[in-house]
Amino acid sequence: MAMDAIEIEDLIKGAIPDARVTIEDLRGDGDHYAALVVSAAFKGKTRVQQHQMVYNALQDRMGTTLHALALQTSVPEDA
């Protein structure tokens, strides 16, 4: 069972409301995505902590309905 990009974006924005999320379906199969998440909530956090925030937002879907996510996170330049 695959996920669509809108569902991924909604989950991330639900947990990180100020996030700017860009998602790309890498294979067109709804299982392999790349995501860029930019949020001021990441300020002062390590890259691992930032990624944990995103994975927590996706709840139990990682490894099940969402097979692979190439994740990039960053803080907005003005934060």
PDB file of N, CA and C in Angstrom:
ATOM      1  N   MET A   1       0.845  -1.183   0.000  1.00  0.00           N
ATOM      2  CA  MET A   1       0.000   0.000   0.000  1.00  0.00           C
ATOM      3  C   MET A   1       0.889   1.245   0.000  1.00  0.00           C
ATOM      4  N   ALA A   2       0.740   2.069  -0.984  1.00  0.00           N
ATOM      5  CA  ALA A   2       1.590   3.247  -1.160  1.00  0.00           C
ATOM      6  C   ALA A   2       0.957   4.481  -0.527  1.00  0.00           C
ATOM      7  N   MET A   3       1.802   5.487  -0.336  1.00  0.00           N
ATOM      8  CA  MET A   3       1.348   6.795   0.161  1.00  0.00           C
ATOM      9  C   MET A   3       1.497   7.797  -0.964  1.00  0.00           C
ATOM     10  N   ASP A   4       0.664   8.826  -0.944  1.00  0.00           N
ATOM     11  CA  ASP A   4       0.876   9.884  -1.920  1.00  0.00           C
ATOM     12  C   ASP A   4       1.587  11.059  -1.248  1.00  0.00           C
ATOM     13  N   ALA A   5       2.165  11.903  -2.073  1.00  0.00           N
ATOM     14  CA  ALA A   5       2.971  13.019  -1.585  1.00  0.00           C
ATOM     15  C   ALA A   5       2.160  13.970  -0.708  1.00  0.00           C
ATOM     16  N   ILE A   6       0.905  14.166  -1.022  1.00  0.00           N
ATOM     17  CA  ILE A   6       0.057  15.076  -0.239  1.00  0.00           C
ATOM     18  C   ILE A   6      -0.102  14.563   1.193  1.00  0.00           C
ATOM     19  N   GLU A   7      -0.276  13.271   1.339  1.00  0.00           N
ATOM     20  CA  GLU A   7      -0.426  12.687   2.673  1.00  0.00           C
ATOM     21  C   GLU A   7       0.847  12.869   3.494  1.00  0.00           C
ATOM     22  N   ILE A   8       2.000  12.666   2.866  1.00  0.00           N
ATOM     23  CA  ILE A   8       3.281  12.871   3.556  1.00  0.00           C
ATOM     24  C   ILE A   8       3.412  14.316   3.989  1.00  0.00           C
ATOM     25  N   GLU A   9       3.128  15.226   3.077  1.00  0.00           N
ATOM     26  CA  GLU A   9       3.216  16.660   3.383  1.00  0.00           C
ATOM     27  C   GLU A   9       2.262  17.033   4.516  1.00  0.00           C
ATOM     28  N   ASP A  10       1.042  16.532   4.486  1.00  0.00           N
ATOM     29  CA  ASP A  10       0.065  16.834   5.528  1.00  0.00           C
ATOM     30  C   ASP A  10       0.521  16.345   6.898  1.00  0.00           C
ATOM     31  N   LEU A  11       1.097  15.150   6.947  1.00  0.00           N
ATOM     32  CA  LEU A  11       1.578  14.614   8.221  1.00  0.00           C
ATOM     33  C   LEU A  11       2.708  15.471   8.780  1.00  0.00           C
ATOM     34  N   ILE A  12       3.644  15.855   7.909  1.00  0.00           N
ATOM     35  CA  ILE A  12       4.773  16.674   8.362  1.00  0.00           C
ATOM     36  C   ILE A  12       4.285  18.034   8.837  1.00  0.00           C
ATOM     37  N   LYS A  13       3.415  18.669   8.059  1.00  0.00           N
ATOM     38  CA  LYS A  13       2.903  19.992   8.455  1.00  0.00           C
ATOM     39  C   LYS A  13       2.013  19.916   9.692  1.00  0.00           C
ATOM     40  N   GLY A  14       1.377  18.777   9.921  1.00  0.00           N
ATOM     41  CA  GLY A  14       0.585  18.604  11.124  1.00  0.00           C
ATOM     42  C   GLY A  14       1.437  18.622  12.381  1.00  0.00           C
ATOM     43  N   ALA A  15       2.647  18.094  12.278  1.00  0.00           N
ATOM     44  CA  ALA A  15       3.555  18.047  13.417  1.00  0.00           C
ATOM     45  C   ALA A  15       4.499  19.247  13.479  1.00  0.00           C
ATOM     46  N   ILE A  16       4.796  19.825  12.313  1.00  0.00           N
ATOM     47  CA  ILE A  16       5.711  20.974  12.223  1.00  0.00           C
ATOM     48  C   ILE A  16       4.990  22.038  11.393  1.00  0.00           C
ATOM     49  N   PRO A  17       4.102  22.796  12.025  1.00  0.00           N
ATOM     50  CA  PRO A  17       3.188  23.677  11.283  1.00  0.00           C
ATOM     51  C   PRO A  17       3.842  24.702  10.361  1.00  0.00           C
ATOM     52  N   ASP A  18       5.034  25.195  10.700  1.00  0.00           N
ATOM     53  CA  ASP A  18       5.654  26.228   9.860  1.00  0.00           C
ATOM     54  C   ASP A  18       6.494  25.626   8.731  1.00  0.00           C
ATOM     55  N   ALA A  19       6.511  24.313   8.620  1.00  0.00           N
ATOM     56  CA  ALA A  19       7.390  23.649   7.648  1.00  0.00           C
ATOM     57  C   ALA A  19       7.017  23.976   6.213  1.00  0.00           C
ATOM     58  N   ARG A  20       8.058  24.195   5.419  1.00  0.00           N
ATOM     59  CA  ARG A  20       7.915  24.233   3.957  1.00  0.00           C
ATOM     60  C   ARG A  20       8.385  22.876   3.480  1.00  0.00           C
ATOM     61  N   VAL A  21       7.524  22.174   2.807  1.00  0.00           N
ATOM     62  CA  VAL A  21       7.807  20.797   2.427  1.00  0.00           C
ATOM     63  C   VAL A  21       7.768  20.656   0.906  1.00  0.00           C
ATOM     64  N   THR A  22       8.822  20.098   0.347  1.00  0.00           N
ATOM     65  CA  THR A  22       8.881  19.786  -1.071  1.00  0.00           C
ATOM     66  C   THR A  22       9.104  18.289  -1.182  1.00  0.00           C
ATOM     67  N   ILE A  23       8.238  17.615  -1.921  1.00  0.00           N
ATOM     68  CA  ILE A  23       8.320  16.163  -2.031  1.00  0.00           C
ATOM     69  C   ILE A  23       8.403  15.751  -3.497  1.00  0.00           C
ATOM     70  N   GLU A  24       9.249  14.783  -3.764  1.00  0.00           N
ATOM     71  CA  GLU A  24       9.410  14.232  -5.109  1.00  0.00           C
ATOM     72  C   GLU A  24       9.251  12.716  -5.042  1.00  0.00           C
ATOM     73  N   ASP A  25       8.393  12.170  -5.872  1.00  0.00           N
ATOM     74  CA  ASP A  25       8.233  10.724  -5.987  1.00  0.00           C
ATOM     75  C   ASP A  25       9.344  10.236  -6.903  1.00  0.00           C
ATOM     76  N   LEU A  26      10.313   9.530  -6.357  1.00  0.00           N
ATOM     77  CA  LEU A  26      11.520   9.179  -7.092  1.00  0.00           C
ATOM     78  C   LEU A  26      11.312   8.123  -8.166  1.00  0.00           C
ATOM     79  N   ARG A  27      10.359   7.220  -7.955  1.00  0.00           N
ATOM     80  CA  ARG A  27      10.158   6.137  -8.917  1.00  0.00           C
ATOM     81  C   ARG A  27       8.760   6.110  -9.504  1.00  0.00           C
ATOM     82  N   GLY A  28       7.893   6.981  -9.036  1.00  0.00           N
ATOM     83  CA  GLY A  28       6.524   6.984  -9.522  1.00  0.00           C
ATOM     84  C   GLY A  28       5.692   5.853  -8.959  1.00  0.00           C
ATOM     85  N   ASP A  29       6.197   5.235  -7.884  1.00  0.00           N
ATOM     86  CA  ASP A  29       5.507   4.088  -7.307  1.00  0.00           C
ATOM     87  C   ASP A  29       4.821   4.374  -5.974  1.00  0.00           C
ATOM     88  N   GLY A  30       4.968   5.608  -5.463  1.00  0.00           N
ATOM     89  CA  GLY A  30       4.353   5.960  -4.190  1.00  0.00           C
ATOM     90  C   GLY A  30       5.038   5.324  -2.997  1.00  0.00           C
ATOM     91  N   ASP A  31       6.194   4.727  -3.191  1.00  0.00           N
ATOM     92  CA  ASP A  31       6.945   4.087  -2.111  1.00  0.00           C
ATOM     93  C   ASP A  31       8.304   4.723  -1.861  1.00  0.00           C
ATOM     94  N   HIS A  32       8.845   5.428  -2.836  1.00  0.00           N
ATOM     95  CA  HIS A  32      10.194   5.981  -2.749  1.00  0.00           C
ATOM     96  C   HIS A  32      10.140   7.477  -3.019  1.00  0.00           C
ATOM     97  N   TYR A  33      10.360   8.247  -1.961  1.00  0.00           N
ATOM     98  CA  TYR A  33      10.255   9.702  -2.056  1.00  0.00           C
ATOM     99  C   TYR A  33      11.540  10.378  -1.606  1.00  0.00           C
ATOM    100  N   ALA A  34      11.709  11.599  -2.054  1.00  0.00           N
ATOM    101  CA  ALA A  34      12.708  12.514  -1.520  1.00  0.00           C
ATOM    102  C   ALA A  34      11.931  13.692  -0.959  1.00  0.00           C
ATOM    103  N   ALA A  35      12.346  14.172   0.200  1.00  0.00           N
ATOM    104  CA  ALA A  35      11.660  15.304   0.827  1.00  0.00           C
ATOM    105  C   ALA A  35      12.682  16.326   1.317  1.00  0.00           C
ATOM    106  N   LEU A  36      12.355  17.578   1.095  1.00  0.00           N
ATOM    107  CA  LEU A  36      13.102  18.697   1.657  1.00  0.00           C
ATOM    108  C   LEU A  36      12.150  19.387   2.616  1.00  0.00           C
ATOM    109  N   VAL A  37      12.555  19.484   3.876  1.00  0.00           N
ATOM    110  CA  VAL A  37      11.720  20.109   4.897  1.00  0.00           C
ATOM    111  C   VAL A  37      12.510  21.256   5.514  1.00  0.00           C
ATOM    112  N   VAL A  38      11.957  22.458   5.425  1.00  0.00           N
ATOM    113  CA  VAL A  38      12.594  23.663   5.958  1.00  0.00           C
ATOM    114  C   VAL A  38      11.695  24.211   7.054  1.00  0.00           C
ATOM    115  N   SER A  39      12.271  24.391   8.255  1.00  0.00           N
ATOM    116  CA  SER A  39      11.465  24.872   9.373  1.00  0.00           C
ATOM    117  C   SER A  39      12.327  25.578  10.407  1.00  0.00           C
ATOM    118  N   ALA A  40      11.804  26.656  10.972  1.00  0.00           N
ATOM    119  CA  ALA A  40      12.484  27.348  12.068  1.00  0.00           C
ATOM    120  C   ALA A  40      12.524  26.463  13.309  1.00  0.00           C
ATOM    121  N   ALA A  41      11.649  25.484  13.400  1.00  0.00           N
ATOM    122  CA  ALA A  41      11.630  24.563  14.544  1.00  0.00           C
ATOM    123  C   ALA A  41      12.911  23.734  14.619  1.00  0.00           C
ATOM    124  N   PHE A  42      13.661  23.670  13.530  1.00  0.00           N
ATOM    125  CA  PHE A  42      14.909  22.920  13.503  1.00  0.00           C
ATOM    126  C   PHE A  42      16.088  23.706  14.080  1.00  0.00           C
ATOM    127  N   LYS A  43      15.899  24.989  14.311  1.00  0.00           N
ATOM    128  CA  LYS A  43      16.996  25.845  14.773  1.00  0.00           C
ATOM    129  C   LYS A  43      17.557  25.312  16.092  1.00  0.00           C
ATOM    130  N   GLY A  44      18.879  25.175  16.137  1.00  0.00           N
ATOM    131  CA  GLY A  44      19.563  24.709  17.329  1.00  0.00           C
ATOM    132  C   GLY A  44      19.566  23.192  17.503  1.00  0.00           C
ATOM    133  N   LYS A  45      18.953  22.489  16.568  1.00  0.00           N
ATOM    134  CA  LYS A  45      18.901  21.032  16.649  1.00  0.00           C
ATOM    135  C   LYS A  45      19.922  20.425  15.691  1.00  0.00           C
ATOM    136  N   THR A  46      20.433  19.267  16.064  1.00  0.00           N
ATOM    137  CA  THR A  46      21.349  18.565  15.175  1.00  0.00           C
ATOM    138  C   THR A  46      20.567  18.020  13.984  1.00  0.00           C
ATOM    139  N   ARG A  47      21.274  17.633  12.947  1.00  0.00           N
ATOM    140  CA  ARG A  47      20.641  17.056  11.775  1.00  0.00           C
ATOM    141  C   ARG A  47      19.864  15.790  12.161  1.00  0.00           C
ATOM    142  N   VAL A  48      20.429  14.989  13.056  1.00  0.00           N
ATOM    143  CA  VAL A  48      19.737  13.773  13.512  1.00  0.00           C
ATOM    144  C   VAL A  48      18.433  14.139  14.218  1.00  0.00           C
ATOM    145  N   GLN A  49      18.468  15.141  15.082  1.00  0.00           N
ATOM    146  CA  GLN A  49      17.246  15.569  15.774  1.00  0.00           C
ATOM    147  C   GLN A  49      16.202  16.104  14.795  1.00  0.00           C
ATOM    148  N   GLN A  50      16.650  16.826  13.780  1.00  0.00           N
ATOM    149  CA  GLN A  50      15.736  17.339  12.763  1.00  0.00           C
ATOM    150  C   GLN A  50      15.055  16.182  12.035  1.00  0.00           C
ATOM    151  N   HIS A  51      15.835  15.194  11.651  1.00  0.00           N
ATOM    152  CA  HIS A  51      15.275  14.045  10.943  1.00  0.00           C
ATOM    153  C   HIS A  51      14.329  13.257  11.843  1.00  0.00           C
ATOM    154  N   GLN A  52      14.671  13.133  13.114  1.00  0.00           N
ATOM    155  CA  GLN A  52      13.785  12.447  14.057  1.00  0.00           C
ATOM    156  C   GLN A  52      12.443  13.154  14.150  1.00  0.00           C
ATOM    157  N   MET A  53      12.446  14.471  14.109  1.00  0.00           N
ATOM    158  CA  MET A  53      11.187  15.229  14.147  1.00  0.00           C
ATOM    159  C   MET A  53      10.307  14.875  12.951  1.00  0.00           C
ATOM    160  N   VAL A  54      10.925  14.773  11.781  1.00  0.00           N
ATOM    161  CA  VAL A  54      10.163  14.436  10.577  1.00  0.00           C
ATOM    162  C   VAL A  54       9.666  12.998  10.650  1.00  0.00           C
ATOM    163  N   TYR A  55      10.537  12.076  11.045  1.00  0.00           N
ATOM    164  CA  TYR A  55      10.122  10.668  11.135  1.00  0.00           C
ATOM    165  C   TYR A  55       9.016  10.486  12.172  1.00  0.00           C
ATOM    166  N   ASN A  56       9.090  11.218  13.286  1.00  0.00           N
ATOM    167  CA  ASN A  56       8.019  11.157  14.288  1.00  0.00           C
ATOM    168  C   ASN A  56       6.703  11.649  13.699  1.00  0.00           C
ATOM    169  N   ALA A  57       6.777  12.656  12.844  1.00  0.00           N
ATOM    170  CA  ALA A  57       5.559  13.177  12.205  1.00  0.00           C
ATOM    171  C   ALA A  57       4.912  12.129  11.305  1.00  0.00           C
ATOM    172  N   LEU A  58       5.732  11.255  10.730  1.00  0.00           N
ATOM    173  CA  LEU A  58       5.223  10.229   9.824  1.00  0.00           C
ATOM    174  C   LEU A  58       4.674   9.016  10.577  1.00  0.00           C
ATOM    175  N   GLN A  59       4.825   9.047  11.896  1.00  0.00           N
ATOM    176  CA  GLN A  59       4.280   8.013  12.784  1.00  0.00           C
ATOM    177  C   GLN A  59       4.776   6.634  12.384  1.00  0.00           C
ATOM    178  N   ASP A  60       3.908   5.686  12.271  1.00  0.00           N
ATOM    179  CA  ASP A  60       4.319   4.308  12.006  1.00  0.00           C
ATOM    180  C   ASP A  60       4.375   3.976  10.516  1.00  0.00           C
ATOM    181  N   ARG A  61       4.327   4.970   9.674  1.00  0.00           N
ATOM    182  CA  ARG A  61       4.274   4.710   8.226  1.00  0.00           C
ATOM    183  C   ARG A  61       5.641   4.399   7.612  1.00  0.00           C
ATOM    184  N   MET A  62       6.721   4.885   8.250  1.00  0.00           N
ATOM    185  CA  MET A  62       8.054   4.594   7.723  1.00  0.00           C
ATOM    186  C   MET A  62       8.306   3.097   7.813  1.00  0.00           C
ATOM    187  N   GLY A  63       8.717   2.524   6.697  1.00  0.00           N
ATOM    188  CA  GLY A  63       8.995   1.103   6.653  1.00  0.00           C
ATOM    189  C   GLY A  63       7.772   0.244   6.399  1.00  0.00           C
ATOM    190  N   THR A  64       6.603   0.861   6.386  1.00  0.00           N
ATOM    191  CA  THR A  64       5.380   0.112   6.092  1.00  0.00           C
ATOM    192  C   THR A  64       4.774   0.679   4.811  1.00  0.00           C
ATOM    193  N   THR A  65       3.857   1.637   4.930  1.00  0.00           N
ATOM    194  CA  THR A  65       3.251   2.220   3.729  1.00  0.00           C
ATOM    195  C   THR A  65       4.222   3.127   2.980  1.00  0.00           C
ATOM    196  N   LEU A  66       5.229   3.628   3.669  1.00  0.00           N
ATOM    197  CA  LEU A  66       6.268   4.448   3.045  1.00  0.00           C
ATOM    198  C   LEU A  66       7.580   3.687   3.137  1.00  0.00           C
ATOM    199  N   HIS A  67       8.019   3.175   2.018  1.00  0.00           N
ATOM    200  CA  HIS A  67       9.191   2.297   2.012  1.00  0.00           C
ATOM    201  C   HIS A  67      10.505   3.067   2.192  1.00  0.00           C
ATOM    202  N   ALA A  68      10.671   4.163   1.476  1.00  0.00           N
ATOM    203  CA  ALA A  68      11.945   4.881   1.512  1.00  0.00           C
ATOM    204  C   ALA A  68      11.717   6.384   1.400  1.00  0.00           C
ATOM    205  N   LEU A  69      12.479   7.131   2.203  1.00  0.00           N
ATOM    206  CA  LEU A  69      12.399   8.588   2.177  1.00  0.00           C
ATOM    207  C   LEU A  69      13.809   9.156   2.269  1.00  0.00           C
ATOM    208  N   ALA A  70      14.268   9.761   1.180  1.00  0.00           N
ATOM    209  CA  ALA A  70      15.542  10.477   1.181  1.00  0.00           C
ATOM    210  C   ALA A  70      15.234  11.861   1.741  1.00  0.00           C
ATOM    211  N   LEU A  71      15.741  12.143   2.916  1.00  0.00           N
ATOM    212  CA  LEU A  71      15.324  13.336   3.659  1.00  0.00           C
ATOM    213  C   LEU A  71      16.440  14.356   3.764  1.00  0.00           C
ATOM    214  N   GLN A  72      16.082  15.611   3.477  1.00  0.00           N
ATOM    215  CA  GLN A  72      16.966  16.754   3.715  1.00  0.00           C
ATOM    216  C   GLN A  72      16.183  17.729   4.579  1.00  0.00           C
ATOM    217  N   THR A  73      16.841  18.249   5.610  1.00  0.00           N
ATOM    218  CA  THR A  73      16.202  19.245   6.468  1.00  0.00           C
ATOM    219  C   THR A  73      17.116  20.453   6.591  1.00  0.00           C
ATOM    220  N   SER A  74      16.498  21.607   6.827  1.00  0.00           N
ATOM    221  CA  SER A  74      17.282  22.812   7.054  1.00  0.00           C
ATOM    222  C   SER A  74      16.436  23.854   7.757  1.00  0.00           C
ATOM    223  N   VAL A  75      17.123  24.863   8.248  1.00  0.00           N
ATOM    224  CA  VAL A  75      16.509  26.010   8.905  1.00  0.00           C
ATOM    225  C   VAL A  75      16.405  27.116   7.862  1.00  0.00           C
ATOM    226  N   PRO A  76      15.310  27.876   7.846  1.00  0.00           N
ATOM    227  CA  PRO A  76      15.216  28.986   6.882  1.00  0.00           C
ATOM    228  C   PRO A  76      16.372  29.966   7.089  1.00  0.00           C
ATOM    229  N   GLU A  77      16.801  30.579   6.028  1.00  0.00           N
ATOM    230  CA  GLU A  77      17.936  31.507   6.112  1.00  0.00           C
ATOM    231  C   GLU A  77      17.662  32.688   7.032  1.00  0.00           C
ATOM    232  N   ASP A  78      16.404  33.081   7.158  1.00  0.00           N
ATOM    233  CA  ASP A  78      16.077  34.244   7.977  1.00  0.00           C
ATOM    234  C   ASP A  78      15.811  33.888   9.444  1.00  0.00           C
ATOM    235  N   ALA A  79      15.958  32.617   9.821  1.00  0.00           N
ATOM    236  CA  ALA A  79      15.680  32.208  11.208  1.00  0.00           C
ATOM    237  C   ALA A  79      16.913  32.323  12.055  1.00  0.00           C
TER     238      ALA A  79
END
